[in-house]
Amino acid sequence: MNFHRKFSFSHLHLAILALLVPLASAHAQANKSEAPAISSQRPETQSDSKGDEKTAEMENLKSQVKQLQSLLEQQQRALENIQKRLDETDGKARTAFPVSSSGPDGAVSVSTDLRTASLEVNQAPKNAPAASQSQPPNKPVAVAGWDRDKGHAFLRSPDGAFETQFAGYAQLDFRGYQSGDHPPNTFLVRRARLSIEGKLERYFDFRVEGDFADTASTSLRDFYVNIHRIDEFQLRFGQFRVPFSQEEMRSDNLQDFVERSLVNNLAPSRSPGLMASGMINKGAFEYQIGAFNGKGLLAANNNGTPETAIRLRFTPWKNSGEFLSKGLIFGGAFTQGRSLGGTSVRGQTESRSFTFFSPDAINGKYIRANGEVTWMLGPAAIRTEYDQTNQRRDNLGPGGRNLPGVVAKGYTAQLTYLLTGEEKPEVGVVAPKNNLFDDSNGKQGFGAWELKFRYSNLQIADGTAKSNRAESFYFGPNWYMNRYVRYLLDVGFERFKDPVRTPRPGDRNFFVVLSRVQVAF
């Protein structure tokens, strides 16, 4: 470093001057010893004159030496202060970023951005000659770190045109049932998912997600490419969620309850297809229009008619800043398609304790309709939804006659409230004000605590005695230890219209307990 070179050069000056001081003293002593000999050989007046000149010269030389010594002492003290400050600064930097290092093949520098902690990697070719001081340093080829806002790791090019984000979550559940005709009480790894998403050349988004806990079907969940040049119009291709139902559209790791409501039996999930979407006026209006196979994960269509879907959402006062109105969101969705030899919707409770309506064979056209309202009020959130599905059963009766279609209607409403004062995001992770243990700011507390309640009702009819209805009440707390780890506890009461078709024949009511420990990053 230039400082170290300057520091060494000053030490050289000190050494030279230290040698000059004794030399000057020796010279003065020699002049004193020679003075008597000279005076004996010359006249007395000339000797006195020469002696005065020598004395004046000596005094002048001593004065210069003292001045130089004083100047050197000042420089020494200044250098010691500078060195002390550098040592203190270096100590703080090492404490904050102990991973910073450099090597012969590249250099790593640390970004101190408040929202991201990143490393810039300067990659140099092996065995490359050392660069001169006048040459600029190599440009970083990658920026890696941890995005604190999104809560996951990333790898990004310096210009931001390429980015890859690594995320995942895992859920360990427990299902406990009242005695009766139901599955056994059990622990369950409900989901264990890893995803890679990012962008290519700035305007091409991608996402790949797999579920390692799924042993019954394909592990692939999401796989798509999204062309995102402007927010108002985007194109997506691949496998992803059919745009229907706000409850279904929220990610599994963001649900407020262990399982989605009864109404979710009527919502489609992921399917191969394509979709156009966009946001207008900073998200005050959103739309999604797409065409899909509509037969499930990686499933091909079995007829020539795709399932088409449209979904609209309105947040008219989003940008107003009014507390009561800015968080009001409402909208709806509609899908239609055709099934050839498929099966109808299933009536199953949230706890999977009992199937109160087994699927019928269907054939022909089907439609789905949805209406939804969300109201975000700081720490509180209200979500309601109504779904309906009509599925035809053409040519399935005796002699090829048409049978009455399967008509399913369901609605749900839920309320959550954060007791510790955090603001509930419409779609996003709850970040506690004070984590369970010390966080990066040195604060600690008991995390964020939330109370919740949900009511759901689902009725399925096919014109026969199979028609049935169920409703459920769920309530309990959510504990957010930090933004990555949370615990959910659901206490539920499930009720059935038909007292015979229940987990406890003759008793319409059934008690369950569901819990979940989730880690997400």
Protein backbone atom coordinates (compact mmCIF):
# COMPACT_ATOMS: atom_id res chain seq x y z
CA MET A 1 0.00 0.00 0.00
CA ASN A 2 1.14 3.62 -0.60
CA PHE A 3 0.85 4.37 3.12
CA HIS A 4 3.27 1.62 4.06
CA ARG A 5 5.77 2.87 1.44
CA LYS A 6 5.53 6.42 2.83
CA PHE A 7 5.87 5.09 6.36
CA SER A 8 9.09 3.20 5.47
CA PHE A 9 10.52 6.23 3.64
CA SER A 10 10.03 8.39 6.73
CA HIS A 11 11.83 5.79 8.85
CA LEU A 12 14.77 6.03 6.38
CA HIS A 13 14.91 9.78 6.93
CA LEU A 14 15.00 9.19 10.67
CA ALA A 15 17.94 6.81 10.33
CA ILE A 16 19.94 9.22 8.15
CA LEU A 17 19.37 12.14 10.48
CA ALA A 18 20.29 9.99 13.47
CA LEU A 19 23.66 9.41 11.84
CA LEU A 20 24.13 13.09 11.05
CA VAL A 21 23.75 14.17 14.67
CA PRO A 22 26.80 12.27 16.09
CA LEU A 23 28.83 13.20 13.02
CA ALA A 24 28.13 16.84 13.65
CA SER A 25 29.11 16.47 17.31
CA ALA A 26 32.36 14.67 16.38
CA HIS A 27 33.18 17.44 13.92
CA ALA A 28 32.69 20.01 16.64
CA GLN A 29 35.01 18.16 19.04
CA ALA A 30 37.71 17.92 16.36
CA ASN A 31 37.57 21.64 15.74
CA LYS A 32 37.95 22.31 19.45
CA SER A 33 41.06 20.11 19.72
CA GLU A 34 42.74 21.75 16.72
CA ALA A 35 42.15 25.32 17.93
CA PRO A 36 45.15 25.58 20.41
CA ALA A 37 47.68 24.32 17.83
CA ILE A 38 46.58 26.85 15.30
CA SER A 39 46.70 29.73 17.76
CA SER A 40 50.36 29.00 18.70
CA GLN A 41 51.54 29.33 15.11
CA ARG A 42 49.60 32.52 14.19
CA PRO A 43 49.24 36.00 15.59
CA GLU A 44 46.87 36.42 18.54
CA THR A 45 44.34 38.66 16.73
CA GLN A 46 43.96 36.26 13.83
CA SER A 47 43.49 33.33 16.22
CA ASP A 48 40.70 35.06 18.15
CA SER A 49 38.87 35.90 14.92
CA LYS A 50 39.07 32.34 13.66
CA GLY A 51 37.87 30.99 17.02
CA ASP A 52 34.80 33.21 17.02
CA GLU A 53 33.88 32.05 13.51
CA LYS A 54 34.24 28.39 14.48
CA THR A 55 32.13 28.90 17.59
CA ALA A 56 29.37 30.65 15.62
CA GLU A 57 29.41 27.85 13.03
CA MET A 58 29.11 25.23 15.74
CA GLU A 59 26.23 27.01 17.41
CA ASN A 60 24.45 27.36 14.07
CA LEU A 61 24.95 23.66 13.30
CA LYS A 62 23.64 22.64 16.73
CA SER A 63 20.55 24.82 16.23
CA GLN A 64 19.81 23.18 12.88
CA VAL A 65 20.21 19.72 14.40
CA LYS A 66 17.76 20.59 17.21
CA GLN A 67 15.23 21.86 14.67
CA LEU A 68 15.54 18.66 12.64
CA GLN A 69 15.13 16.53 15.77
CA SER A 70 11.98 18.46 16.75
CA LEU A 71 10.52 18.06 13.24
CA LEU A 72 11.26 14.32 13.24
CA GLU A 73 9.59 13.88 16.64
CA GLN A 74 6.44 15.61 15.33
CA GLN A 75 6.39 13.37 12.24
CA GLN A 76 6.87 10.31 14.43
CA ARG A 77 3.90 11.23 16.64
CA ALA A 78 1.71 11.89 13.57
CA LEU A 79 2.64 8.52 12.05
CA GLU A 80 1.89 6.73 15.31
CA ASN A 81 -1.60 8.34 15.46
CA ILE A 82 -2.32 7.35 11.86
CA GLN A 83 -1.18 3.78 12.52
CA LYS A 84 -3.40 3.60 15.62
CA ARG A 85 -6.46 4.73 13.67
CA LEU A 86 -5.77 2.23 10.90
CA ASP A 87 -5.48 -0.58 13.46
CA GLU A 88 -8.83 0.42 15.02
CA THR A 89 -10.55 0.57 11.61
CA ASP A 90 -9.10 -2.77 10.56
CA GLY A 91 -10.32 -4.36 13.80
CA LYS A 92 -13.89 -3.13 13.26
CA ALA A 93 -13.92 -4.37 9.67
CA ARG A 94 -12.74 -7.82 10.72
CA THR A 95 -15.38 -8.01 13.44
CA ALA A 96 -18.22 -7.11 11.03
CA PHE A 97 -17.06 -9.26 8.11
CA PRO A 98 -14.85 -12.14 9.24
CA VAL A 99 -15.24 -13.95 5.91
CA SER A 100 -13.50 -11.31 3.78
CA SER A 101 -10.33 -12.65 2.19
CA SER A 102 -8.25 -12.54 -0.94
CA GLY A 103 -6.11 -14.97 -2.85
CA PRO A 104 -3.86 -15.25 -5.87
CA ASP A 105 -6.70 -16.25 -8.19
CA GLY A 106 -9.25 -13.65 -7.15
CA ALA A 107 -10.38 -11.19 -4.54
CA VAL A 108 -13.49 -11.08 -2.40
CA SER A 109 -14.92 -7.77 -1.20
CA VAL A 110 -17.89 -7.33 1.12
CA SER A 111 -20.90 -5.09 0.50
CA THR A 112 -22.30 -3.34 3.57
CA ASP A 113 -25.77 -2.62 2.15
CA LEU A 114 -28.41 -2.50 4.89
CA ARG A 115 -30.74 -4.89 3.07
CA THR A 116 -28.27 -7.34 1.57
CA ALA A 117 -25.00 -8.82 2.68
CA SER A 118 -23.06 -9.73 -0.43
CA LEU A 119 -19.66 -10.76 -1.68
CA GLU A 120 -18.20 -9.44 -4.93
CA VAL A 121 -15.87 -11.97 -6.49
CA ASN A 122 -13.07 -10.68 -8.74
CA GLN A 123 -11.88 -13.67 -10.70
CA ALA A 124 -8.40 -13.47 -12.18
CA PRO A 125 -6.90 -16.15 -14.44
CA LYS A 126 -4.44 -18.49 -12.79
CA ASN A 127 -0.72 -17.73 -13.23
CA ALA A 128 -1.59 -14.26 -14.54
CA PRO A 129 1.17 -11.63 -14.19
CA ALA A 130 0.75 -9.12 -11.40
CA ALA A 131 -1.01 -5.97 -12.51
CA SER A 132 0.77 -2.66 -12.23
CA GLN A 133 -0.42 0.01 -9.86
CA SER A 134 -1.71 2.16 -12.71
CA GLN A 135 -4.06 -0.56 -14.01
CA PRO A 136 -7.66 -0.58 -12.67
CA PRO A 137 -8.75 -3.62 -10.60
CA ASN A 138 -10.62 -6.46 -12.30
CA LYS A 139 -14.37 -5.98 -12.54
CA PRO A 140 -16.39 -8.44 -10.39
CA VAL A 141 -17.96 -11.25 -12.40
CA ALA A 142 -20.56 -12.19 -9.74
CA VAL A 143 -22.22 -10.85 -6.60
CA ALA A 144 -23.36 -13.43 -4.06
CA GLY A 145 -25.02 -12.93 -0.71
CA TRP A 146 -28.17 -13.00 1.38
CA ASP A 147 -31.20 -10.85 0.59
CA ARG A 148 -32.64 -9.85 3.97
CA ASP A 149 -35.89 -8.51 2.50
CA LYS A 150 -36.71 -11.75 0.67
CA GLY A 151 -34.94 -14.01 3.15
CA HIS A 152 -32.89 -16.16 0.81
CA ALA A 153 -29.53 -16.48 -0.93
CA PHE A 154 -28.80 -15.05 -4.35
CA LEU A 155 -26.18 -14.99 -7.08
CA ARG A 156 -26.22 -11.92 -9.34
CA SER A 157 -24.18 -10.43 -12.14
CA PRO A 158 -22.70 -6.97 -11.42
CA ASP A 159 -25.05 -5.26 -13.89
CA GLY A 160 -28.12 -7.07 -12.50
CA ALA A 161 -29.05 -8.62 -15.84
CA PHE A 162 -28.66 -12.18 -14.52
CA GLU A 163 -29.81 -13.36 -11.11
CA THR A 164 -30.47 -16.68 -9.40
CA GLN A 165 -32.27 -16.99 -6.05
CA PHE A 166 -32.21 -20.12 -3.91
CA ALA A 167 -35.19 -20.75 -1.63
CA GLY A 168 -37.02 -23.57 0.09
CA TYR A 169 -39.17 -24.62 3.00
CA ALA A 170 -40.07 -27.73 4.97
CA GLN A 171 -43.11 -28.50 7.12
CA LEU A 172 -43.41 -31.09 9.88
CA ASP A 173 -47.07 -31.65 10.86
CA PHE A 174 -48.87 -33.53 13.58
CA ARG A 175 -52.47 -34.71 13.16
CA GLY A 176 -54.39 -35.70 16.24
CA TYR A 177 -57.96 -37.01 16.08
CA GLN A 178 -60.76 -37.75 18.47
CA SER A 179 -61.48 -41.46 18.75
CA GLY A 180 -63.46 -42.79 15.82
CA ASP A 181 -63.19 -44.11 12.26
CA HIS A 182 -60.28 -42.06 10.95
CA PRO A 183 -56.58 -42.35 10.04
CA PRO A 184 -54.16 -42.86 12.96
CA ASN A 185 -52.61 -39.97 14.81
CA THR A 186 -49.33 -39.28 13.10
CA PHE A 187 -46.39 -37.01 12.42
CA LEU A 188 -46.09 -36.09 8.77
CA VAL A 189 -43.49 -34.37 6.60
CA ARG A 190 -46.12 -32.42 4.71
CA ARG A 191 -43.80 -30.63 2.30
CA ALA A 192 -40.05 -30.39 1.68
CA ARG A 193 -39.47 -28.08 -1.25
CA LEU A 194 -36.52 -26.42 -2.89
CA SER A 195 -36.76 -23.82 -5.63
CA ILE A 196 -34.47 -21.91 -7.95
CA GLU A 197 -35.75 -18.74 -9.55
CA GLY A 198 -34.31 -15.62 -11.09
CA LYS A 199 -33.95 -13.73 -14.34
CA LEU A 200 -32.02 -14.09 -17.56
CA GLU A 201 -31.01 -11.01 -19.54
CA ARG A 202 -33.09 -8.87 -17.19
CA TYR A 203 -36.54 -9.45 -18.73
CA PHE A 204 -36.88 -13.24 -18.62
CA ASP A 205 -37.92 -14.63 -15.24
CA PHE A 206 -37.78 -18.35 -14.46
CA ARG A 207 -38.72 -20.67 -11.60
CA VAL A 208 -38.21 -24.39 -10.88
CA GLU A 209 -39.60 -25.96 -7.68
CA GLY A 210 -39.66 -29.59 -6.55
CA ASP A 211 -41.24 -31.34 -3.57
CA PHE A 212 -39.12 -34.10 -2.03
CA ALA A 213 -41.91 -35.13 0.35
CA ASP A 214 -44.33 -36.14 -2.42
CA THR A 215 -44.22 -39.93 -2.75
CA ALA A 216 -47.58 -40.32 -4.52
CA SER A 217 -47.05 -38.32 -7.72
CA THR A 218 -44.49 -36.26 -9.57
CA SER A 219 -42.15 -34.14 -7.44
CA LEU A 220 -42.14 -31.22 -9.89
CA ARG A 221 -44.36 -28.33 -8.84
CA ASP A 222 -43.42 -25.17 -10.70
CA PHE A 223 -41.51 -24.84 -13.94
CA TYR A 224 -42.03 -21.74 -16.04
CA VAL A 225 -40.49 -18.84 -17.94
CA ASN A 226 -42.02 -15.39 -17.56
CA ILE A 227 -41.37 -12.61 -20.09
CA HIS A 228 -41.46 -9.45 -17.99
CA ARG A 229 -40.61 -6.37 -20.03
CA ILE A 230 -43.26 -4.14 -18.44
CA ASP A 231 -45.55 -4.68 -15.43
CA GLU A 232 -48.66 -4.02 -17.48
CA PHE A 233 -48.18 -7.05 -19.74
CA GLN A 234 -46.30 -10.29 -19.05
CA LEU A 235 -46.31 -13.73 -20.68
CA ARG A 236 -45.76 -17.00 -18.81
CA PHE A 237 -45.16 -20.51 -20.21
CA GLY A 238 -44.78 -23.78 -18.32
CA GLN A 239 -46.42 -25.43 -15.32
CA PHE A 240 -47.84 -23.20 -12.59
CA ARG A 241 -51.05 -22.47 -10.69
CA VAL A 242 -54.26 -21.92 -12.64
CA PRO A 243 -55.40 -18.38 -11.63
CA PHE A 244 -58.39 -19.21 -9.44
CA SER A 245 -59.07 -18.62 -5.71
CA GLN A 246 -57.01 -16.23 -3.57
CA GLU A 247 -56.46 -18.99 -1.02
CA GLU A 248 -54.99 -21.31 -3.64
CA MET A 249 -52.86 -18.57 -5.19
CA ARG A 250 -51.07 -17.82 -1.91
CA SER A 251 -48.00 -20.02 -1.51
CA ASP A 252 -48.18 -23.04 0.81
CA ASN A 253 -45.54 -21.58 3.13
CA LEU A 254 -47.61 -18.38 3.64
CA GLN A 255 -50.90 -19.98 4.72
CA ASP A 256 -52.26 -18.85 8.09
CA PHE A 257 -53.67 -22.30 8.91
CA VAL A 258 -52.08 -25.73 8.74
CA GLU A 259 -54.33 -26.72 5.83
CA ARG A 260 -56.41 -24.74 3.37
CA SER A 261 -60.16 -24.56 3.96
CA LEU A 262 -62.92 -26.93 2.83
CA VAL A 263 -63.56 -24.63 -0.13
CA ASN A 264 -60.16 -25.45 -1.58
CA ASN A 265 -61.63 -28.78 -2.74
CA LEU A 266 -63.17 -26.78 -5.61
CA ALA A 267 -60.03 -24.97 -6.77
CA PRO A 268 -57.70 -26.31 -9.46
CA SER A 269 -54.01 -26.35 -8.69
CA ARG A 270 -51.05 -26.46 -11.07
CA SER A 271 -51.25 -27.44 -14.71
CA PRO A 272 -49.17 -27.02 -17.89
CA GLY A 273 -50.24 -24.01 -19.91
CA LEU A 274 -49.62 -20.38 -20.81
CA MET A 275 -50.88 -17.11 -19.35
CA ALA A 276 -50.88 -13.35 -19.90
CA SER A 277 -50.94 -11.15 -16.81
CA GLY A 278 -50.29 -7.61 -15.69
CA MET A 279 -50.62 -4.87 -13.09
CA ILE A 280 -51.90 -1.38 -13.88
CA ASN A 281 -51.58 1.80 -11.84
CA LYS A 282 -49.04 0.35 -9.39
CA GLY A 283 -51.17 -2.73 -8.68
CA ALA A 284 -54.56 -1.02 -8.32
CA PHE A 285 -55.80 -3.40 -11.03
CA GLU A 286 -54.50 -6.89 -11.79
CA TYR A 287 -55.51 -9.40 -14.43
CA GLN A 288 -54.59 -12.96 -15.43
CA ILE A 289 -55.81 -14.77 -18.56
CA GLY A 290 -54.61 -18.23 -19.53
CA ALA A 291 -55.16 -21.58 -21.22
CA PHE A 292 -54.24 -24.88 -19.53
CA ASN A 293 -54.57 -28.64 -19.82
CA GLY A 294 -56.54 -28.52 -16.58
CA LYS A 295 -55.92 -32.14 -15.61
CA GLY A 296 -53.29 -31.75 -12.89
CA LEU A 297 -49.51 -31.90 -12.49
CA LEU A 298 -47.70 -32.74 -15.75
CA ALA A 299 -50.97 -34.22 -17.06
CA ALA A 300 -51.80 -34.00 -20.77
CA ASN A 301 -55.23 -32.94 -21.97
CA ASN A 302 -57.47 -35.84 -23.00
CA ASN A 303 -59.60 -33.80 -25.42
CA GLY A 304 -59.19 -30.94 -27.87
CA THR A 305 -60.60 -28.26 -25.56
CA PRO A 306 -58.21 -26.49 -23.20
CA GLU A 307 -59.28 -25.10 -19.85
CA THR A 308 -59.43 -21.32 -20.09
CA ALA A 309 -59.23 -19.05 -17.06
CA ILE A 310 -59.56 -15.37 -16.26
CA ARG A 311 -59.01 -13.64 -12.92
CA LEU A 312 -59.41 -9.96 -12.03
CA ARG A 313 -58.46 -8.15 -8.81
CA PHE A 314 -59.10 -4.56 -7.79
CA THR A 315 -57.37 -2.47 -5.10
CA PRO A 316 -58.83 0.94 -6.01
CA TRP A 317 -57.56 2.78 -2.92
CA LYS A 318 -54.15 1.13 -2.73
CA ASN A 319 -52.26 4.35 -3.37
CA SER A 320 -54.52 6.63 -1.32
CA GLY A 321 -52.79 6.17 2.04
CA GLU A 322 -56.13 5.85 3.88
CA PHE A 323 -55.84 3.22 6.61
CA LEU A 324 -59.36 1.78 6.27
CA SER A 325 -59.54 1.70 2.48
CA LYS A 326 -56.01 1.19 1.12
CA GLY A 327 -55.98 -2.51 2.11
CA LEU A 328 -59.37 -3.41 0.60
CA ILE A 329 -59.02 -5.89 -2.28
CA PHE A 330 -61.80 -7.62 -4.18
CA GLY A 331 -62.12 -9.64 -7.36
CA GLY A 332 -63.17 -12.87 -8.95
CA ALA A 333 -62.24 -15.64 -11.36
CA PHE A 334 -63.89 -17.89 -13.93
CA THR A 335 -62.69 -21.05 -15.66
CA GLN A 336 -64.26 -23.46 -18.13
CA GLY A 337 -63.16 -26.64 -19.82
CA ARG A 338 -64.18 -30.12 -20.84
CA SER A 339 -63.56 -33.45 -19.19
CA LEU A 340 -63.57 -36.80 -20.95
CA GLY A 341 -63.95 -39.68 -18.52
CA GLY A 342 -62.71 -37.73 -15.48
CA THR A 343 -63.83 -37.52 -11.87
CA SER A 344 -65.68 -34.80 -9.99
CA VAL A 345 -64.63 -32.75 -6.97
CA ARG A 346 -64.10 -34.52 -3.66
CA GLY A 347 -65.60 -33.60 -0.31
CA GLN A 348 -62.82 -33.92 2.27
CA THR A 349 -62.25 -32.11 5.55
CA GLU A 350 -59.16 -29.99 6.26
CA SER A 351 -57.74 -32.60 8.63
CA ARG A 352 -58.20 -35.38 6.05
CA SER A 353 -60.15 -37.19 8.74
CA PHE A 354 -63.08 -38.16 6.53
CA THR A 355 -64.35 -37.97 2.95
CA PHE A 356 -68.01 -36.96 3.18
CA PHE A 357 -68.52 -36.96 -0.63
CA SER A 358 -66.63 -39.42 -2.84
CA PRO A 359 -65.99 -38.30 -6.44
CA ASP A 360 -68.43 -39.13 -9.24
CA ALA A 361 -67.52 -39.93 -12.83
CA ILE A 362 -68.03 -36.85 -15.02
CA ASN A 363 -68.12 -36.24 -18.76
CA GLY A 364 -68.61 -33.02 -20.67
CA LYS A 365 -68.28 -29.34 -19.92
CA TYR A 366 -67.43 -27.93 -16.50
CA ILE A 367 -67.24 -24.38 -15.17
CA ARG A 368 -65.87 -22.75 -12.02
CA ALA A 369 -66.70 -19.34 -10.58
CA ASN A 370 -65.13 -17.47 -7.71
CA GLY A 371 -65.60 -14.25 -5.74
CA GLU A 372 -63.12 -13.00 -3.14
CA VAL A 373 -62.55 -10.12 -0.72
CA THR A 374 -59.46 -9.30 1.33
CA TRP A 375 -59.22 -6.46 3.83
CA MET A 376 -55.83 -5.66 5.34
CA LEU A 377 -55.96 -3.52 8.48
CA GLY A 378 -52.46 -3.19 9.89
CA PRO A 379 -51.97 -6.16 12.23
CA ALA A 380 -55.39 -7.59 11.24
CA ALA A 381 -56.41 -9.39 8.05
CA ILE A 382 -59.89 -10.46 6.90
CA ARG A 383 -60.21 -12.86 3.97
CA THR A 384 -63.45 -14.23 2.51
CA GLU A 385 -64.14 -16.32 -0.57
CA TYR A 386 -67.01 -18.03 -2.40
CA ASP A 387 -66.42 -20.80 -4.96
CA GLN A 388 -68.80 -22.81 -7.10
CA THR A 389 -68.23 -25.67 -9.55
CA ASN A 390 -70.66 -27.24 -12.04
CA GLN A 391 -69.54 -30.48 -13.71
CA ARG A 392 -71.68 -32.25 -16.31
CA ARG A 393 -72.24 -36.00 -16.50
CA ASP A 394 -73.31 -36.44 -20.12
CA ASN A 395 -74.03 -39.90 -21.52
CA LEU A 396 -73.22 -41.63 -18.23
CA GLY A 397 -76.75 -42.80 -17.39
CA PRO A 398 -78.58 -45.97 -18.47
CA GLY A 399 -78.83 -46.12 -22.25
CA GLY A 400 -76.41 -43.21 -22.62
CA ARG A 401 -78.67 -40.70 -20.95
CA ASN A 402 -77.37 -37.60 -19.23
CA LEU A 403 -77.21 -37.66 -15.44
CA PRO A 404 -77.65 -34.64 -13.18
CA GLY A 405 -74.39 -32.77 -12.92
CA VAL A 406 -72.29 -32.38 -9.80
CA VAL A 407 -72.82 -28.94 -8.26
CA ALA A 408 -70.55 -27.86 -5.43
CA LYS A 409 -70.81 -24.58 -3.49
CA GLY A 410 -68.52 -23.42 -0.73
CA TYR A 411 -67.57 -20.33 1.20
CA THR A 412 -65.04 -19.46 3.87
CA ALA A 413 -64.11 -16.48 6.04
CA GLN A 414 -61.11 -16.01 8.29
CA LEU A 415 -59.68 -13.38 10.65
CA THR A 416 -56.10 -13.10 11.89
CA TYR A 417 -54.64 -10.55 14.31
CA LEU A 418 -51.00 -9.99 15.31
CA LEU A 419 -50.94 -9.37 19.06
CA THR A 420 -47.37 -8.04 19.02
CA GLY A 421 -48.17 -5.15 16.66
CA GLU A 422 -46.49 -6.19 13.40
CA GLU A 423 -48.19 -5.27 10.14
CA LYS A 424 -49.70 -8.25 8.35
CA PRO A 425 -48.58 -8.42 4.70
CA GLU A 426 -51.17 -9.30 2.07
CA VAL A 427 -48.70 -11.70 0.48
CA GLY A 428 -45.43 -12.10 2.34
CA VAL A 429 -43.62 -13.23 5.46
CA VAL A 430 -44.35 -11.82 8.91
CA ALA A 431 -41.14 -10.30 10.32
CA PRO A 432 -41.26 -10.08 14.14
CA LYS A 433 -40.27 -6.81 15.79
CA ASN A 434 -38.25 -8.80 18.32
CA ASN A 435 -36.99 -12.28 17.51
CA LEU A 436 -37.08 -15.11 20.02
CA PHE A 437 -33.31 -14.81 20.46
CA ASP A 438 -30.83 -12.05 19.66
CA ASP A 439 -31.01 -10.75 16.11
CA SER A 440 -28.43 -8.78 14.13
CA ASN A 441 -29.41 -5.61 16.00
CA GLY A 442 -28.93 -7.19 19.41
CA LYS A 443 -32.64 -7.10 20.24
CA GLN A 444 -34.44 -10.09 21.69
CA GLY A 445 -37.97 -10.93 22.76
CA PHE A 446 -40.60 -13.59 22.26
CA GLY A 447 -41.16 -13.32 18.50
CA ALA A 448 -44.50 -12.39 16.94
CA TRP A 449 -47.78 -13.89 18.17
CA GLU A 450 -50.97 -14.14 16.17
CA LEU A 451 -54.53 -15.29 16.89
CA LYS A 452 -56.76 -16.68 14.14
CA PHE A 453 -60.25 -17.97 13.43
CA ARG A 454 -61.81 -19.51 10.30
CA TYR A 455 -65.21 -20.81 9.30
CA SER A 456 -65.78 -22.92 6.17
CA ASN A 457 -68.83 -24.53 4.56
CA LEU A 458 -68.98 -26.89 1.58
CA GLN A 459 -72.04 -28.51 0.00
CA ILE A 460 -71.85 -31.03 -2.86
CA ALA A 461 -74.93 -32.38 -4.66
CA ASP A 462 -75.33 -34.76 -7.59
CA GLY A 463 -79.10 -35.34 -7.50
CA THR A 464 -78.73 -38.56 -5.51
CA ALA A 465 -78.56 -39.62 -1.89
CA LYS A 466 -74.81 -39.04 -1.99
CA SER A 467 -75.35 -35.29 -1.64
CA ASN A 468 -73.86 -34.04 1.60
CA ARG A 469 -72.56 -30.98 3.40
CA ALA A 470 -69.84 -30.26 5.95
CA GLU A 471 -68.65 -27.24 7.88
CA SER A 472 -65.65 -26.56 10.06
CA PHE A 473 -64.48 -24.15 12.76
CA TYR A 474 -60.75 -23.67 13.29
CA PHE A 475 -58.93 -21.37 15.70
CA GLY A 476 -55.58 -21.13 17.48
CA PRO A 477 -52.27 -19.23 17.69
CA ASN A 478 -49.36 -18.74 15.30
CA TRP A 479 -45.89 -18.14 16.74
CA TYR A 480 -43.30 -16.50 14.49
CA MET A 481 -39.97 -17.10 16.26
CA ASN A 482 -38.24 -15.11 13.52
CA ARG A 483 -38.98 -14.58 9.87
CA TYR A 484 -37.66 -18.05 9.01
CA VAL A 485 -39.16 -20.33 11.68
CA ARG A 486 -42.77 -20.48 12.88
CA TYR A 487 -45.17 -22.74 14.73
CA LEU A 488 -48.89 -23.14 13.90
CA LEU A 489 -51.52 -24.71 16.12
CA ASP A 490 -55.09 -25.34 14.84
CA VAL A 491 -57.88 -26.57 17.09
CA GLY A 492 -60.78 -27.69 14.91
CA PHE A 493 -64.38 -28.80 15.08
CA GLU A 494 -65.76 -30.50 11.97
CA ARG A 495 -69.50 -30.99 11.54
CA PHE A 496 -71.39 -33.12 9.02
CA LYS A 497 -74.95 -32.90 7.75
CA ASP A 498 -75.44 -36.66 7.57
CA PRO A 499 -74.89 -38.16 11.07
CA VAL A 500 -74.13 -41.58 9.56
CA ARG A 501 -71.37 -40.45 7.20
CA THR A 502 -69.00 -39.05 9.82
CA PRO A 503 -65.81 -40.29 11.55
CA ARG A 504 -68.06 -41.15 14.53
CA PRO A 505 -71.33 -42.57 13.09
CA GLY A 506 -74.28 -41.12 14.94
CA ASP A 507 -72.33 -38.01 16.03
CA ARG A 508 -72.23 -35.04 13.67
CA ASN A 509 -69.36 -33.33 15.49
CA PHE A 510 -65.69 -34.29 15.38
CA PHE A 511 -62.71 -32.77 17.22
CA VAL A 512 -59.18 -32.52 15.73
CA VAL A 513 -55.83 -30.88 16.53
CA LEU A 514 -53.34 -29.94 13.81
CA SER A 515 -49.89 -28.44 14.38
CA ARG A 516 -46.94 -27.51 12.22
CA VAL A 517 -43.30 -26.50 12.58
CA GLN A 518 -42.07 -24.74 9.45
CA VAL A 519 -38.69 -23.47 8.36
CA ALA A 520 -38.55 -21.33 5.22
CA PHE A 521 -35.70 -19.45 3.56
